[in-house]
Protein backbone atom coordinates (compact mmCIF):
# COMPACT_ATOMS: atom_id res chain seq x y z
CA MET A 1 -29.41 -2.55 -40.86
CA LYS A 2 -32.93 -2.75 -40.13
CA VAL A 3 -34.55 -6.22 -39.50
CA VAL A 4 -38.16 -7.15 -39.23
CA CYS A 5 -39.40 -9.07 -36.21
CA GLN A 6 -40.83 -12.38 -37.26
CA ASN A 7 -43.16 -12.17 -34.02
CA CYS A 8 -44.39 -8.62 -34.11
CA GLY A 9 -43.58 -7.34 -37.36
CA GLN A 10 -41.92 -4.39 -35.92
CA GLU A 11 -38.58 -2.99 -37.49
CA VAL A 12 -35.48 -3.38 -35.24
CA MET A 13 -32.26 -1.57 -35.81
CA VAL A 14 -29.44 -4.20 -35.46
CA ASN A 15 -25.76 -2.93 -35.43
CA GLY A 16 -23.86 -6.11 -36.94
CA LEU A 17 -24.60 -9.71 -36.57
CA GLY A 18 -22.32 -12.15 -34.84
CA ARG A 19 -19.34 -11.59 -32.81
CA ASN A 20 -16.14 -10.01 -33.99
CA GLY A 21 -13.50 -11.93 -35.43
CA LEU A 22 -10.25 -12.63 -33.58
CA ASN A 23 -7.05 -11.08 -35.19
CA ILE A 24 -4.17 -12.77 -33.40
CA PRO A 25 -0.80 -12.01 -35.24
CA LEU A 26 1.19 -15.21 -36.42
CA THR A 27 3.99 -14.15 -34.28
CA ILE A 28 2.11 -14.19 -31.06
CA VAL A 29 0.52 -17.56 -32.06
CA CYS A 30 3.87 -19.11 -32.83
CA ASP A 31 5.53 -17.82 -29.55
CA ASN A 32 2.66 -18.89 -27.38
CA LEU A 33 2.84 -22.46 -28.98
CA ARG A 34 6.54 -22.78 -28.35
CA VAL A 35 6.11 -21.81 -24.76
CA CYS A 36 3.18 -24.05 -24.04
CA LYS A 37 4.25 -26.90 -26.20
CA GLY A 38 0.72 -27.52 -27.51
CA ALA A 39 -2.50 -26.00 -28.81
CA ASP A 40 -4.71 -26.65 -25.76
CA LYS A 41 -2.74 -24.40 -23.39
CA ALA A 42 -1.87 -21.67 -25.91
CA ALA A 43 -5.30 -21.36 -26.88
CA GLU A 44 -6.37 -21.03 -23.41
CA LEU A 45 -3.93 -18.30 -22.89
CA LEU A 46 -4.89 -16.59 -25.91
CA GLY A 47 -8.62 -16.82 -25.33
CA CYS A 48 -9.23 -18.76 -28.62
CA SER A 49 -9.91 -22.21 -29.59
CA PRO A 50 -7.19 -24.67 -30.58
CA ALA A 51 -8.92 -24.93 -34.03
CA TYR A 52 -8.19 -21.26 -34.46
CA LEU A 53 -4.70 -21.72 -33.92
CA TYR A 54 -4.59 -24.57 -36.51
CA LYS A 55 -6.28 -22.24 -38.90
CA VAL A 56 -3.69 -19.39 -38.48
CA LEU A 57 -0.89 -21.80 -39.11
CA LYS A 58 -2.57 -23.47 -42.26
CA ILE A 59 -3.29 -20.09 -43.67
CA ASN A 60 0.51 -19.22 -43.41
CA GLY A 61 1.71 -22.51 -44.61
CA LEU A 62 2.89 -23.85 -41.20
CA LYS A 63 2.29 -27.11 -39.33
CA MET A 64 2.14 -27.23 -35.46
CA LYS A 65 5.25 -29.56 -35.06
CA ASP A 66 7.46 -27.21 -37.13
CA VAL A 67 6.54 -24.40 -35.02
CA ILE A 68 6.75 -26.06 -31.62
CA ASN A 69 10.29 -27.79 -32.68
CA LYS A 70 11.95 -24.55 -33.74
């Protein structure tokens, strides 16, 4: 994609904007939550944020306490 620089007016080629999304499978998220017993440690091991873990669970209709207690 070509973008025009606001400062100099020159066209610059950009190969995608932003960082790539995470695609951590639900099974790996659940396994790490069970082992770590919490979102903070599991997120650190997986290299993501605790909010991402909650998001993955919500998309799949699960809750944190249900996954940890199984």
